[in-house]
Amino acid sequence: MKLLGVLVEEYDRRHALPPSDSTPGQRLNYLLEISGRAPADLLSVFGQRSHIHEALKGKRPISAAQARKLAAMFCVSPGLFI
């Protein structure tokens, strides 16, 4: 039983999303963390490192085109980032 509990916790940790009242930047940070990716992996989406960091901090909005690319990368809905 203990093993099942550990497996369920691990599944929830990997597949749960941040609270619905979080910002797009917080959601992106969360997805990076649980996927094991680094901000540098987002260079193909944002084009510049400074844009990545600004989006993660909530200082730069995520465009619809970027949201679609992020959605494909993380297998989530694009609406998560808008």
Protein backbone atom coordinates (compact mmCIF):
# COMPACT_ATOMS: atom_id res chain seq x y z
CA MET A 1 0.00 0.00 0.00
CA LYS A 2 2.81 2.38 0.81
CA LEU A 3 4.30 1.91 -2.67
CA LEU A 4 0.95 2.74 -4.26
CA GLY A 5 0.78 5.95 -2.23
CA VAL A 6 4.26 6.95 -3.37
CA LEU A 7 3.38 6.23 -7.01
CA VAL A 8 0.16 8.26 -6.79
CA GLU A 9 2.04 11.19 -5.23
CA GLU A 10 4.66 11.08 -7.97
CA TYR A 11 1.99 10.96 -10.69
CA ASP A 12 0.15 13.91 -9.16
CA ARG A 13 3.36 15.89 -8.86
CA ARG A 14 4.19 15.34 -12.52
CA HIS A 15 0.71 15.85 -13.96
CA ALA A 16 -0.89 18.45 -11.71
CA LEU A 17 -1.14 22.05 -12.86
CA PRO A 18 -0.56 25.14 -10.76
CA PRO A 19 -3.60 26.85 -9.20
CA SER A 20 -5.99 28.51 -11.63
CA ASP A 21 -5.28 31.93 -10.11
CA SER A 22 -1.58 31.74 -11.07
CA THR A 23 -0.11 33.91 -13.80
CA PRO A 24 1.04 32.60 -17.19
CA GLY A 25 4.65 33.13 -16.09
CA GLN A 26 4.08 31.09 -12.93
CA ARG A 27 2.46 28.32 -14.95
CA LEU A 28 5.39 28.30 -17.36
CA ASN A 29 7.87 28.16 -14.45
CA TYR A 30 5.93 25.26 -12.98
CA LEU A 31 5.90 23.34 -16.26
CA LEU A 32 9.63 23.90 -16.69
CA GLU A 33 10.25 22.59 -13.19
CA ILE A 34 8.20 19.41 -13.47
CA SER A 35 9.42 18.63 -16.98
CA GLY A 36 13.08 18.99 -16.05
CA ARG A 37 13.64 21.54 -18.79
CA ALA A 38 15.71 24.70 -18.46
CA PRO A 39 14.76 28.23 -19.52
CA ALA A 40 17.30 27.90 -22.34
CA ASP A 41 15.03 25.22 -23.86
CA LEU A 42 12.50 27.99 -24.56
CA LEU A 43 14.83 29.89 -26.88
CA SER A 44 13.06 28.51 -29.95
CA VAL A 45 9.77 29.92 -28.62
CA PHE A 46 10.88 33.37 -27.44
CA GLY A 47 13.89 34.04 -29.65
CA GLN A 48 15.99 35.85 -27.03
CA ARG A 49 17.12 34.89 -23.55
CA SER A 50 15.97 38.22 -22.15
CA HIS A 51 12.46 37.58 -23.49
CA ILE A 52 12.40 34.19 -21.77
CA HIS A 53 13.31 35.65 -18.40
CA GLU A 54 10.87 38.53 -18.77
CA ALA A 55 8.04 36.10 -19.59
CA LEU A 56 8.94 33.88 -16.63
CA LYS A 57 8.88 36.89 -14.31
CA GLY A 58 5.58 38.14 -15.76
CA LYS A 59 7.13 41.30 -17.18
CA ARG A 60 6.45 40.26 -20.80
CA PRO A 61 3.13 38.86 -22.00
CA ILE A 62 3.11 35.58 -23.88
CA SER A 63 1.74 36.04 -27.40
CA ALA A 64 -0.79 33.70 -28.99
CA ALA A 65 1.88 32.27 -31.32
CA GLN A 66 4.21 31.66 -28.37
CA ALA A 67 1.36 30.08 -26.40
CA ARG A 68 0.72 27.63 -29.24
CA LYS A 69 4.41 26.67 -29.36
CA LEU A 70 4.55 26.26 -25.58
CA ALA A 71 1.36 24.19 -25.64
CA ALA A 72 2.90 21.83 -28.19
CA MET A 73 6.12 21.63 -26.18
CA PHE A 74 4.40 20.77 -22.89
CA CYS A 75 1.30 18.99 -24.29
CA VAL A 76 -1.13 21.40 -22.63
CA SER A 77 -3.77 23.86 -23.78
CA PRO A 78 -2.50 27.18 -25.24
CA GLY A 79 -5.02 28.96 -23.03
CA LEU A 80 -2.85 28.12 -20.05
CA PHE A 81 -0.40 30.82 -21.14
CA ILE A 82 -2.82 33.61 -22.05
